[in-house]
């Protein structure tokens, strides 16, 4: 028998449903409280303001995304397998958890997380540190082109970030297999190993 969600998780789940259905600005804390079936005391004990609630929801989705993404390099694959695996992991997470992906995209582009002083560098730091170390190892073996890490991130993930909102507009998001292969090919072509004899 599945365990009952904690009060905090009930509140986060209700906030996700309401934020995505009617928007952050149109959702009140009392609507979240009623949807979650909790008391005022419980709601405000966990989340003093709606912005704190939005940030917690964003952080939970981001942590889940990072954990899924890093599985692609946990076994320390070679460069090509790792890059292709990262693209596949990104797509797999978006398609498996479309509501969490919507949370990341919707809250990122609103004022929902203003006022709680989010440190986005700190939120991304653990995942970026793991990716940076793996990339550095592959560059040292000359399996990937040397480049600033921010450029590497953009070349591998920017096309996915650009297309994700389009996929999420569908009731049942899907990415055709040929498009998945194309995105993986493009990422690898952008950051892959130097041609033989290239001394850069």
N, C-alpha and C. Protein backbone atom coordinates (compact mmCIF):
# COMPACT_ATOMS: atom_id res chain seq x y z
N UNK A 1 0.85 -1.20 0.00
CA UNK A 1 0.00 0.00 0.00
C UNK A 1 0.89 1.24 0.00
N UNK A 2 0.71 2.16 -0.96
CA UNK A 2 1.58 3.33 -1.04
C UNK A 2 1.43 4.22 0.19
N UNK A 3 2.54 4.82 0.62
CA UNK A 3 2.50 5.68 1.79
C UNK A 3 1.83 7.01 1.45
N UNK A 4 1.18 7.59 2.44
CA UNK A 4 0.50 8.88 2.25
C UNK A 4 1.54 9.99 2.14
N UNK A 5 1.37 10.92 1.18
CA UNK A 5 2.33 12.02 1.06
C UNK A 5 2.37 12.85 2.34
N UNK A 6 3.52 13.40 2.65
CA UNK A 6 3.64 14.29 3.80
C UNK A 6 2.81 15.55 3.54
N UNK A 7 2.53 16.29 4.62
CA UNK A 7 1.77 17.54 4.46
C UNK A 7 2.48 18.47 3.50
N UNK A 8 3.79 18.57 3.62
CA UNK A 8 4.57 19.45 2.74
C UNK A 8 4.40 19.02 1.29
N UNK A 9 4.49 17.71 1.03
CA UNK A 9 4.35 17.21 -0.34
C UNK A 9 2.94 17.44 -0.87
N UNK A 10 1.92 17.28 0.00
CA UNK A 10 0.54 17.55 -0.43
C UNK A 10 0.40 18.99 -0.88
N UNK A 11 1.00 19.90 -0.12
CA UNK A 11 0.91 21.32 -0.47
C UNK A 11 1.61 21.58 -1.79
N UNK A 12 2.80 21.01 -1.98
CA UNK A 12 3.55 21.20 -3.22
C UNK A 12 2.79 20.64 -4.41
N UNK A 13 2.19 19.48 -4.25
CA UNK A 13 1.42 18.88 -5.34
C UNK A 13 0.23 19.75 -5.72
N UNK A 14 -0.45 20.28 -4.72
CA UNK A 14 -1.60 21.15 -4.99
C UNK A 14 -1.16 22.44 -5.65
N UNK A 15 -0.05 23.00 -5.19
CA UNK A 15 0.47 24.24 -5.80
C UNK A 15 0.81 24.00 -7.26
N UNK A 16 1.41 22.86 -7.56
CA UNK A 16 1.76 22.54 -8.95
C UNK A 16 0.52 22.49 -9.83
N UNK A 17 -0.51 21.79 -9.36
CA UNK A 17 -1.76 21.67 -10.13
C UNK A 17 -2.36 23.05 -10.39
N UNK A 18 -2.44 23.87 -9.34
CA UNK A 18 -3.10 25.17 -9.48
C UNK A 18 -2.26 26.17 -10.26
N UNK A 19 -0.96 26.23 -10.02
CA UNK A 19 -0.10 27.15 -10.76
C UNK A 19 -0.17 26.85 -12.26
N UNK A 20 -0.14 25.56 -12.60
CA UNK A 20 -0.15 25.19 -14.02
C UNK A 20 -1.53 25.40 -14.65
N UNK A 21 -2.59 25.23 -13.87
CA UNK A 21 -3.94 25.35 -14.41
C UNK A 21 -4.37 26.80 -14.59
N UNK A 22 -4.01 27.67 -13.64
CA UNK A 22 -4.54 29.03 -13.70
C UNK A 22 -3.49 30.11 -13.55
N UNK A 23 -2.21 29.72 -13.41
CA UNK A 23 -1.14 30.69 -13.33
C UNK A 23 -0.79 31.03 -11.89
N UNK A 24 0.45 31.46 -11.68
CA UNK A 24 0.92 31.81 -10.34
C UNK A 24 0.14 32.99 -9.77
N UNK A 25 0.02 34.05 -10.56
CA UNK A 25 -0.61 35.27 -10.05
C UNK A 25 -2.08 35.06 -9.68
N UNK A 26 -2.78 34.21 -10.41
CA UNK A 26 -4.21 34.00 -10.18
C UNK A 26 -4.48 33.00 -9.06
N UNK A 27 -3.44 32.35 -8.55
CA UNK A 27 -3.61 31.35 -7.50
C UNK A 27 -3.34 31.97 -6.13
N UNK A 28 -4.28 31.78 -5.23
CA UNK A 28 -4.10 32.31 -3.87
C UNK A 28 -3.61 31.20 -2.94
N UNK A 29 -3.02 31.61 -1.84
CA UNK A 29 -2.59 30.63 -0.84
C UNK A 29 -3.79 29.88 -0.28
N UNK A 30 -4.94 30.55 -0.16
CA UNK A 30 -6.12 29.85 0.37
C UNK A 30 -6.61 28.78 -0.60
N UNK A 31 -6.49 29.04 -1.90
CA UNK A 31 -6.85 28.00 -2.88
C UNK A 31 -5.93 26.79 -2.74
N UNK A 32 -4.64 27.05 -2.54
CA UNK A 32 -3.70 25.95 -2.34
C UNK A 32 -4.06 25.17 -1.08
N UNK A 33 -4.37 25.91 0.00
CA UNK A 33 -4.72 25.28 1.27
C UNK A 33 -5.95 24.37 1.10
N UNK A 34 -6.97 24.89 0.45
CA UNK A 34 -8.20 24.10 0.27
C UNK A 34 -7.94 22.88 -0.61
N UNK A 35 -7.20 23.07 -1.69
CA UNK A 35 -6.92 21.95 -2.60
C UNK A 35 -6.12 20.86 -1.89
N UNK A 36 -5.19 21.27 -1.03
CA UNK A 36 -4.35 20.30 -0.32
C UNK A 36 -5.06 19.70 0.88
N UNK A 37 -6.13 20.36 1.34
CA UNK A 37 -6.86 19.85 2.50
C UNK A 37 -6.08 19.98 3.79
N UNK A 38 -5.38 21.11 3.94
CA UNK A 38 -4.58 21.34 5.15
C UNK A 38 -5.06 22.61 5.85
N UNK A 39 -4.59 22.79 7.06
CA UNK A 39 -4.97 23.98 7.82
C UNK A 39 -4.09 25.16 7.44
N UNK A 40 -4.56 26.35 7.80
CA UNK A 40 -3.75 27.55 7.60
C UNK A 40 -2.42 27.43 8.32
N UNK A 41 -2.47 26.91 9.52
CA UNK A 41 -1.24 26.76 10.30
C UNK A 41 -0.23 25.88 9.61
N UNK A 42 -0.69 24.75 9.06
CA UNK A 42 0.21 23.84 8.36
C UNK A 42 0.79 24.49 7.11
N UNK A 43 -0.07 25.18 6.36
CA UNK A 43 0.39 25.81 5.12
C UNK A 43 1.48 26.84 5.41
N UNK A 44 1.19 27.76 6.33
CA UNK A 44 2.14 28.85 6.57
C UNK A 44 3.34 28.41 7.41
N UNK A 45 3.22 27.30 8.09
CA UNK A 45 4.39 26.74 8.78
C UNK A 45 5.44 26.30 7.76
N UNK A 46 4.99 25.66 6.70
CA UNK A 46 5.92 25.17 5.68
C UNK A 46 6.32 26.27 4.70
N UNK A 47 5.38 27.16 4.36
CA UNK A 47 5.64 28.17 3.33
C UNK A 47 5.07 29.52 3.78
N UNK A 48 5.92 30.40 4.30
CA UNK A 48 5.45 31.69 4.84
C UNK A 48 4.75 32.56 3.80
N UNK A 49 5.15 32.45 2.52
CA UNK A 49 4.53 33.25 1.47
C UNK A 49 4.35 32.39 0.22
N UNK A 50 3.57 32.90 -0.72
CA UNK A 50 3.38 32.18 -1.99
C UNK A 50 4.68 32.09 -2.76
N UNK A 51 5.54 33.09 -2.64
CA UNK A 51 6.83 33.03 -3.33
C UNK A 51 7.72 31.94 -2.76
N UNK A 52 7.69 31.76 -1.43
CA UNK A 52 8.44 30.66 -0.84
C UNK A 52 7.92 29.31 -1.36
N UNK A 53 6.62 29.22 -1.50
CA UNK A 53 6.02 27.99 -2.03
C UNK A 53 6.48 27.75 -3.47
N UNK A 54 6.46 28.80 -4.28
CA UNK A 54 6.89 28.66 -5.67
C UNK A 54 8.34 28.26 -5.77
N UNK A 55 9.19 28.86 -4.94
CA UNK A 55 10.61 28.50 -4.98
C UNK A 55 10.81 27.04 -4.59
N UNK A 56 10.11 26.58 -3.55
CA UNK A 56 10.26 25.19 -3.12
C UNK A 56 9.81 24.23 -4.21
N UNK A 57 8.73 24.59 -4.90
CA UNK A 57 8.24 23.76 -6.00
C UNK A 57 9.26 23.71 -7.13
N UNK A 58 9.83 24.87 -7.45
CA UNK A 58 10.86 24.95 -8.49
C UNK A 58 12.08 24.13 -8.11
N UNK A 59 12.55 24.27 -6.88
CA UNK A 59 13.74 23.55 -6.43
C UNK A 59 13.53 22.04 -6.47
N UNK A 60 12.34 21.58 -6.08
CA UNK A 60 12.06 20.15 -6.09
C UNK A 60 12.10 19.59 -7.51
N UNK A 61 11.49 20.33 -8.45
CA UNK A 61 11.50 19.88 -9.85
C UNK A 61 12.91 19.90 -10.41
N UNK A 62 13.68 20.94 -10.08
CA UNK A 62 15.04 21.06 -10.60
C UNK A 62 15.93 19.94 -10.06
N UNK A 63 15.78 19.62 -8.76
CA UNK A 63 16.58 18.55 -8.16
C UNK A 63 16.28 17.21 -8.82
N UNK A 64 15.01 16.96 -9.10
CA UNK A 64 14.62 15.71 -9.76
C UNK A 64 15.19 15.65 -11.18
N UNK A 65 15.13 16.78 -11.88
CA UNK A 65 15.69 16.85 -13.23
C UNK A 65 17.19 16.59 -13.22
N UNK A 66 17.91 17.24 -12.32
CA UNK A 66 19.36 17.05 -12.24
C UNK A 66 19.71 15.59 -11.94
N UNK A 67 19.00 14.99 -11.00
CA UNK A 67 19.30 13.60 -10.63
C UNK A 67 19.12 12.67 -11.83
N UNK A 68 18.06 12.89 -12.60
CA UNK A 68 17.81 12.07 -13.78
C UNK A 68 18.88 12.30 -14.84
N UNK A 69 19.25 13.56 -15.04
CA UNK A 69 20.23 13.89 -16.06
C UNK A 69 21.59 13.27 -15.76
N UNK A 70 22.02 13.35 -14.50
CA UNK A 70 23.35 12.89 -14.15
C UNK A 70 23.50 11.37 -14.19
N UNK A 71 22.36 10.66 -14.24
CA UNK A 71 22.44 9.21 -14.40
C UNK A 71 23.16 8.85 -15.70
N UNK A 72 23.08 9.73 -16.70
CA UNK A 72 23.68 9.45 -18.01
C UNK A 72 25.20 9.40 -17.96
N UNK A 73 25.82 10.05 -16.96
CA UNK A 73 27.28 10.05 -16.89
C UNK A 73 27.79 9.37 -15.62
N UNK A 74 26.90 8.75 -14.86
CA UNK A 74 27.30 8.15 -13.58
C UNK A 74 28.32 7.03 -13.76
N UNK A 75 28.22 6.30 -14.87
CA UNK A 75 29.15 5.20 -15.11
C UNK A 75 30.41 5.65 -15.85
N UNK A 76 30.60 6.97 -15.97
CA UNK A 76 31.77 7.56 -16.63
C UNK A 76 31.94 7.06 -18.07
N UNK A 77 30.91 7.27 -18.91
CA UNK A 77 30.98 6.80 -20.29
C UNK A 77 31.95 7.63 -21.11
N UNK A 78 32.30 7.13 -22.31
CA UNK A 78 33.13 7.94 -23.19
C UNK A 78 32.31 9.14 -23.66
N UNK A 79 32.98 10.06 -24.34
CA UNK A 79 32.36 11.34 -24.66
C UNK A 79 31.09 11.20 -25.49
N UNK A 80 31.16 10.44 -26.57
CA UNK A 80 29.99 10.35 -27.44
C UNK A 80 28.81 9.70 -26.74
N UNK A 81 29.07 8.59 -26.03
CA UNK A 81 27.99 7.92 -25.31
C UNK A 81 27.40 8.84 -24.25
N UNK A 82 28.27 9.62 -23.59
CA UNK A 82 27.79 10.51 -22.55
C UNK A 82 26.93 11.64 -23.09
N UNK A 83 27.38 12.28 -24.16
CA UNK A 83 26.61 13.38 -24.74
C UNK A 83 25.26 12.87 -25.24
N UNK A 84 25.28 11.77 -25.95
CA UNK A 84 24.02 11.21 -26.44
C UNK A 84 23.12 10.77 -25.28
N UNK A 85 23.74 10.24 -24.24
CA UNK A 85 22.98 9.83 -23.06
C UNK A 85 22.36 11.02 -22.34
N UNK A 86 23.07 12.14 -22.28
CA UNK A 86 22.53 13.34 -21.65
C UNK A 86 21.31 13.88 -22.41
N UNK A 87 21.40 13.88 -23.72
CA UNK A 87 20.26 14.32 -24.54
C UNK A 87 19.07 13.38 -24.32
N UNK A 88 19.34 12.09 -24.32
CA UNK A 88 18.26 11.11 -24.10
C UNK A 88 17.66 11.26 -22.71
N UNK A 89 18.51 11.51 -21.70
CA UNK A 89 18.02 11.66 -20.34
C UNK A 89 17.15 12.90 -20.20
N UNK A 90 17.58 13.99 -20.83
CA UNK A 90 16.78 15.23 -20.81
C UNK A 90 15.40 14.96 -21.41
N UNK A 91 15.38 14.38 -22.61
CA UNK A 91 14.11 14.12 -23.28
C UNK A 91 13.26 13.15 -22.48
N UNK A 92 13.89 12.12 -21.95
CA UNK A 92 13.16 11.12 -21.18
C UNK A 92 12.49 11.72 -19.96
N UNK A 93 13.20 12.64 -19.27
CA UNK A 93 12.63 13.25 -18.08
C UNK A 93 11.44 14.15 -18.44
N UNK A 94 11.59 14.94 -19.48
CA UNK A 94 10.50 15.84 -19.90
C UNK A 94 9.25 15.04 -20.26
N UNK A 95 9.43 13.93 -20.97
CA UNK A 95 8.28 13.14 -21.41
C UNK A 95 7.67 12.34 -20.26
N UNK A 96 8.50 11.93 -19.31
CA UNK A 96 7.99 11.16 -18.16
C UNK A 96 7.35 12.07 -17.12
N UNK A 97 7.86 13.29 -16.99
CA UNK A 97 7.37 14.21 -15.96
C UNK A 97 6.99 15.57 -16.58
N UNK A 98 6.02 15.59 -17.48
CA UNK A 98 5.70 16.85 -18.16
C UNK A 98 5.26 17.96 -17.21
N UNK A 99 4.56 17.61 -16.12
CA UNK A 99 4.12 18.66 -15.20
C UNK A 99 5.33 19.29 -14.49
N UNK A 100 6.30 18.49 -14.12
CA UNK A 100 7.51 19.05 -13.49
C UNK A 100 8.28 19.90 -14.48
N UNK A 101 8.34 19.44 -15.71
CA UNK A 101 9.01 20.24 -16.74
C UNK A 101 8.27 21.56 -16.96
N UNK A 102 6.94 21.53 -16.93
CA UNK A 102 6.16 22.76 -17.07
C UNK A 102 6.43 23.70 -15.90
N UNK A 103 6.55 23.13 -14.70
CA UNK A 103 6.86 23.96 -13.53
C UNK A 103 8.16 24.72 -13.75
N UNK A 104 9.20 24.02 -14.22
CA UNK A 104 10.48 24.68 -14.44
C UNK A 104 10.35 25.81 -15.46
N UNK A 105 9.66 25.55 -16.55
CA UNK A 105 9.56 26.56 -17.60
C UNK A 105 8.61 27.68 -17.22
N UNK A 106 7.49 27.35 -16.60
CA UNK A 106 6.51 28.39 -16.26
C UNK A 106 7.02 29.30 -15.15
N UNK A 107 7.57 28.74 -14.10
CA UNK A 107 8.01 29.57 -12.98
C UNK A 107 9.26 30.36 -13.33
N UNK A 108 10.10 29.81 -14.20
CA UNK A 108 11.34 30.52 -14.57
C UNK A 108 11.02 31.83 -15.29
N UNK A 109 9.94 31.87 -16.05
CA UNK A 109 9.67 33.06 -16.87
C UNK A 109 8.61 33.98 -16.26
N UNK A 110 8.31 33.79 -14.96
CA UNK A 110 7.37 34.68 -14.29
C UNK A 110 8.05 35.33 -13.09
N UNK A 111 7.30 36.12 -12.35
CA UNK A 111 7.82 36.73 -11.12
C UNK A 111 7.55 35.81 -9.92
N UNK A 112 7.20 34.58 -10.18
CA UNK A 112 6.77 33.68 -9.12
C UNK A 112 7.82 33.47 -8.04
N UNK A 113 9.07 33.51 -8.41
CA UNK A 113 10.11 33.22 -7.44
C UNK A 113 10.84 34.46 -7.00
N UNK A 114 10.27 35.63 -7.29
CA UNK A 114 10.86 36.88 -6.83
C UNK A 114 10.60 37.05 -5.34
N UNK A 115 11.51 37.74 -4.67
CA UNK A 115 11.29 38.07 -3.27
C UNK A 115 11.79 37.06 -2.27
N UNK A 116 12.32 35.93 -2.74
CA UNK A 116 12.86 34.95 -1.81
C UNK A 116 14.35 34.75 -2.06
N UNK A 117 14.94 35.67 -2.79
CA UNK A 117 16.38 35.72 -3.02
C UNK A 117 16.96 34.37 -3.47
N UNK A 118 16.42 33.82 -4.55
CA UNK A 118 16.97 32.55 -5.03
C UNK A 118 18.38 32.72 -5.56
N UNK A 119 19.25 31.83 -5.20
CA UNK A 119 20.61 31.85 -5.72
C UNK A 119 20.70 30.76 -6.78
N UNK A 120 20.46 31.16 -8.04
CA UNK A 120 20.40 30.15 -9.11
C UNK A 120 21.74 29.47 -9.31
N UNK A 121 22.82 30.20 -9.07
CA UNK A 121 24.13 29.57 -9.17
C UNK A 121 24.27 28.43 -8.18
N UNK A 122 23.80 28.66 -6.96
CA UNK A 122 23.88 27.63 -5.93
C UNK A 122 22.98 26.44 -6.25
N UNK A 123 21.80 26.71 -6.81
CA UNK A 123 20.87 25.63 -7.13
C UNK A 123 21.44 24.71 -8.20
N UNK A 124 22.16 25.29 -9.16
CA UNK A 124 22.72 24.49 -10.25
C UNK A 124 24.12 23.95 -9.95
N UNK A 125 24.75 24.46 -8.90
CA UNK A 125 26.17 24.18 -8.67
C UNK A 125 26.52 22.69 -8.58
N UNK A 126 25.80 21.88 -7.78
CA UNK A 126 26.20 20.47 -7.69
C UNK A 126 26.14 19.73 -9.03
N UNK A 127 25.06 19.94 -9.78
CA UNK A 127 24.93 19.27 -11.08
C UNK A 127 25.98 19.78 -12.05
N UNK A 128 26.20 21.10 -12.05
CA UNK A 128 27.20 21.67 -12.96
C UNK A 128 28.60 21.18 -12.60
N UNK A 129 28.88 21.02 -11.32
CA UNK A 129 30.20 20.54 -10.92
C UNK A 129 30.44 19.13 -11.44
N UNK A 130 29.44 18.28 -11.35
CA UNK A 130 29.57 16.90 -11.86
C UNK A 130 29.74 16.90 -13.38
N UNK A 131 28.94 17.70 -14.07
CA UNK A 131 29.07 17.79 -15.53
C UNK A 131 30.42 18.36 -15.94
N UNK A 132 30.84 19.42 -15.24
CA UNK A 132 32.11 20.07 -15.57
C UNK A 132 33.28 19.09 -15.42
N UNK A 133 33.27 18.31 -14.35
CA UNK A 133 34.35 17.34 -14.12
C UNK A 133 34.36 16.27 -15.20
N UNK A 134 33.18 15.79 -15.58
CA UNK A 134 33.12 14.77 -16.62
C UNK A 134 33.59 15.34 -17.96
N UNK A 135 33.15 16.54 -18.30
CA UNK A 135 33.58 17.17 -19.55
C UNK A 135 35.08 17.37 -19.56
N UNK A 136 35.64 17.85 -18.46
CA UNK A 136 37.09 18.08 -18.39
C UNK A 136 37.86 16.79 -18.63
N UNK A 137 37.38 15.69 -18.08
CA UNK A 137 38.04 14.40 -18.30
C UNK A 137 38.01 13.97 -19.75
N UNK A 138 36.90 14.21 -20.42
CA UNK A 138 36.79 13.82 -21.83
C UNK A 138 37.64 14.73 -22.72
N UNK A 139 37.73 16.00 -22.35
CA UNK A 139 38.59 16.92 -23.11
C UNK A 139 40.05 16.52 -22.94
N UNK A 140 40.42 16.17 -21.73
CA UNK A 140 41.81 15.75 -21.48
C UNK A 140 42.18 14.53 -22.30
N UNK A 141 41.24 13.66 -22.56
CA UNK A 141 41.48 12.47 -23.39
C UNK A 141 41.32 12.77 -24.87
N UNK A 142 41.06 14.05 -25.19
CA UNK A 142 40.85 14.50 -26.56
C UNK A 142 39.65 13.84 -27.22
N UNK A 143 38.66 13.51 -26.40
CA UNK A 143 37.41 12.97 -26.93
C UNK A 143 36.41 14.09 -27.25
N UNK A 144 36.66 15.28 -26.69
CA UNK A 144 35.80 16.43 -26.95
C UNK A 144 36.65 17.67 -27.16
N UNK A 145 36.07 18.62 -27.89
CA UNK A 145 36.77 19.87 -28.16
C UNK A 145 36.89 20.69 -26.88
N UNK A 146 38.03 21.33 -26.65
CA UNK A 146 38.12 22.25 -25.52
C UNK A 146 37.31 23.52 -25.79
N UNK A 147 36.55 23.94 -24.79
CA UNK A 147 35.73 25.16 -24.93
C UNK A 147 35.26 25.56 -23.54
N UNK A 148 34.88 26.82 -23.36
CA UNK A 148 34.32 27.22 -22.07
C UNK A 148 33.10 26.37 -21.72
N UNK A 149 32.97 26.04 -20.43
CA UNK A 149 31.88 25.17 -20.00
C UNK A 149 30.51 25.76 -20.36
N UNK A 150 30.36 27.07 -20.23
CA UNK A 150 29.08 27.70 -20.56
C UNK A 150 28.72 27.49 -22.03
N UNK A 151 29.73 27.48 -22.90
CA UNK A 151 29.49 27.24 -24.32
C UNK A 151 29.08 25.79 -24.53
N UNK A 152 29.76 24.88 -23.83
CA UNK A 152 29.43 23.45 -23.93
C UNK A 152 27.97 23.23 -23.52
N UNK A 153 27.56 23.82 -22.41
CA UNK A 153 26.18 23.69 -21.93
C UNK A 153 25.21 24.20 -23.00
N UNK A 154 25.52 25.35 -23.59
CA UNK A 154 24.63 25.93 -24.60
C UNK A 154 24.52 25.03 -25.82
N UNK A 155 25.64 24.51 -26.29
CA UNK A 155 25.62 23.69 -27.50
C UNK A 155 24.85 22.38 -27.31
N UNK A 156 24.96 21.80 -26.12
CA UNK A 156 24.29 20.52 -25.87
C UNK A 156 22.81 20.71 -25.51
N UNK A 157 22.51 21.71 -24.67
CA UNK A 157 21.17 21.79 -24.10
C UNK A 157 20.28 22.91 -24.64
N UNK A 158 20.86 23.96 -25.24
CA UNK A 158 20.01 25.07 -25.69
C UNK A 158 18.92 24.65 -26.68
N UNK A 159 19.23 23.78 -27.67
CA UNK A 159 18.14 23.36 -28.58
C UNK A 159 17.02 22.65 -27.83
N UNK A 160 17.36 21.86 -26.81
CA UNK A 160 16.35 21.15 -26.04
C UNK A 160 15.50 22.13 -25.24
N UNK A 161 16.16 23.10 -24.62
CA UNK A 161 15.43 24.12 -23.85
C UNK A 161 14.49 24.92 -24.74
N UNK A 162 14.94 25.21 -25.94
CA UNK A 162 14.14 25.98 -26.88
C UNK A 162 12.89 25.22 -27.31
N UNK A 163 13.03 23.91 -27.49
CA UNK A 163 11.92 23.11 -28.00
C UNK A 163 10.98 22.59 -26.92
N UNK A 164 11.45 22.53 -25.68
CA UNK A 164 10.63 21.94 -24.61
C UNK A 164 9.26 22.60 -24.47
N UNK A 165 9.17 23.94 -24.43
CA UNK A 165 7.82 24.54 -24.31
C UNK A 165 6.87 24.11 -25.43
N UNK A 166 7.40 23.93 -26.64
CA UNK A 166 6.57 23.47 -27.76
C UNK A 166 6.04 22.06 -27.48
N UNK A 167 6.91 21.16 -27.03
CA UNK A 167 6.47 19.80 -26.74
C UNK A 167 5.45 19.78 -25.61
N UNK A 168 5.64 20.64 -24.62
CA UNK A 168 4.77 20.62 -23.44
C UNK A 168 3.38 21.18 -23.70
N UNK A 169 3.19 21.83 -24.83
CA UNK A 169 1.85 22.35 -25.15
C UNK A 169 0.88 21.23 -25.53
N UNK A 170 1.42 20.07 -25.89
CA UNK A 170 0.56 18.94 -26.24
C UNK A 170 0.00 18.29 -24.98
N UNK A 171 -1.21 17.72 -25.07
CA UNK A 171 -1.80 17.03 -23.93
C UNK A 171 -0.92 15.86 -23.49
N UNK A 172 -0.40 15.16 -24.48
CA UNK A 172 0.53 14.06 -24.20
C UNK A 172 1.81 14.33 -24.97
N UNK A 173 2.78 14.99 -24.33
CA UNK A 173 4.02 15.36 -25.03
C UNK A 173 4.72 14.14 -25.63
N UNK A 174 5.24 14.32 -26.84
CA UNK A 174 5.96 13.25 -27.52
C UNK A 174 7.05 13.88 -28.38
N UNK A 175 8.14 13.14 -28.53
CA UNK A 175 9.23 13.57 -29.41
C UNK A 175 9.54 12.40 -30.32
N UNK A 176 9.30 12.53 -31.63
CA UNK A 176 9.55 11.42 -32.55
C UNK A 176 10.98 10.91 -32.46
N UNK A 177 11.15 9.61 -32.70
CA UNK A 177 12.46 8.98 -32.57
C UNK A 177 13.49 9.62 -33.50
N UNK A 178 13.08 9.98 -34.71
CA UNK A 178 14.04 10.57 -35.64
C UNK A 178 14.50 11.95 -35.15
N UNK A 179 13.61 12.69 -34.50
CA UNK A 179 14.00 13.99 -33.95
C UNK A 179 14.93 13.82 -32.76
N UNK A 180 14.68 12.82 -31.94
CA UNK A 180 15.59 12.54 -30.82
C UNK A 180 17.00 12.26 -31.34
N UNK A 181 17.06 11.44 -32.40
CA UNK A 181 18.36 11.10 -32.99
C UNK A 181 19.03 12.34 -33.57
N UNK A 182 18.25 13.19 -34.21
CA UNK A 182 18.79 14.41 -34.81
C UNK A 182 19.37 15.34 -33.74
N UNK A 183 18.68 15.48 -32.63
CA UNK A 183 19.16 16.34 -31.55
C UNK A 183 20.44 15.78 -30.92
N UNK A 184 20.49 14.47 -30.76
CA UNK A 184 21.70 13.84 -30.22
C UNK A 184 22.86 13.99 -31.20
N UNK A 185 22.59 13.81 -32.49
CA UNK A 185 23.63 13.97 -33.52
C UNK A 185 24.17 15.40 -33.50
N UNK A 186 23.27 16.38 -33.41
CA UNK A 186 23.68 17.79 -33.43
C UNK A 186 24.53 18.13 -32.21
N UNK A 187 24.13 17.63 -31.05
CA UNK A 187 24.90 17.91 -29.83
C UNK A 187 26.30 17.33 -29.94
N UNK A 188 26.38 16.09 -30.42
CA UNK A 188 27.68 15.45 -30.54
C UNK A 188 28.54 16.14 -31.60
N UNK A 189 27.95 16.52 -32.71
CA UNK A 189 28.69 17.21 -33.76
C UNK A 189 29.26 18.53 -33.25
N UNK A 190 28.54 19.19 -32.34
CA UNK A 190 28.97 20.50 -31.84
C UNK A 190 30.13 20.41 -30.86
N UNK A 191 30.18 19.35 -30.06
CA UNK A 191 31.20 19.28 -29.00
C UNK A 191 32.16 18.12 -29.15
N UNK A 192 31.96 17.28 -30.18
CA UNK A 192 32.75 16.07 -30.33
C UNK A 192 34.23 16.29 -30.58
N UNK A 193 34.93 15.18 -30.70
CA UNK A 193 36.39 15.20 -30.78
C UNK A 193 36.89 15.95 -32.00
N UNK A 194 38.11 16.47 -31.89
CA UNK A 194 38.74 17.19 -32.99
C UNK A 194 39.09 16.23 -34.13
N UNK A 195 39.10 16.71 -35.35
CA UNK A 195 39.54 15.86 -36.47
C UNK A 195 40.99 15.43 -36.26
N UNK A 196 41.39 14.27 -36.77
CA UNK A 196 42.78 13.83 -36.64
C UNK A 196 43.73 14.89 -37.19
N UNK A 197 44.80 15.15 -36.46
CA UNK A 197 45.80 16.10 -36.89
C UNK A 197 45.51 17.53 -36.53
N UNK A 198 44.28 17.82 -36.02
CA UNK A 198 43.96 19.19 -35.61
C UNK A 198 44.64 19.47 -34.28
N UNK A 199 45.49 20.44 -34.24
CA UNK A 199 46.32 20.70 -33.07
C UNK A 199 45.70 21.70 -32.10
N UNK A 200 44.45 22.15 -32.36
CA UNK A 200 43.87 23.17 -31.46
C UNK A 200 43.74 22.64 -30.05
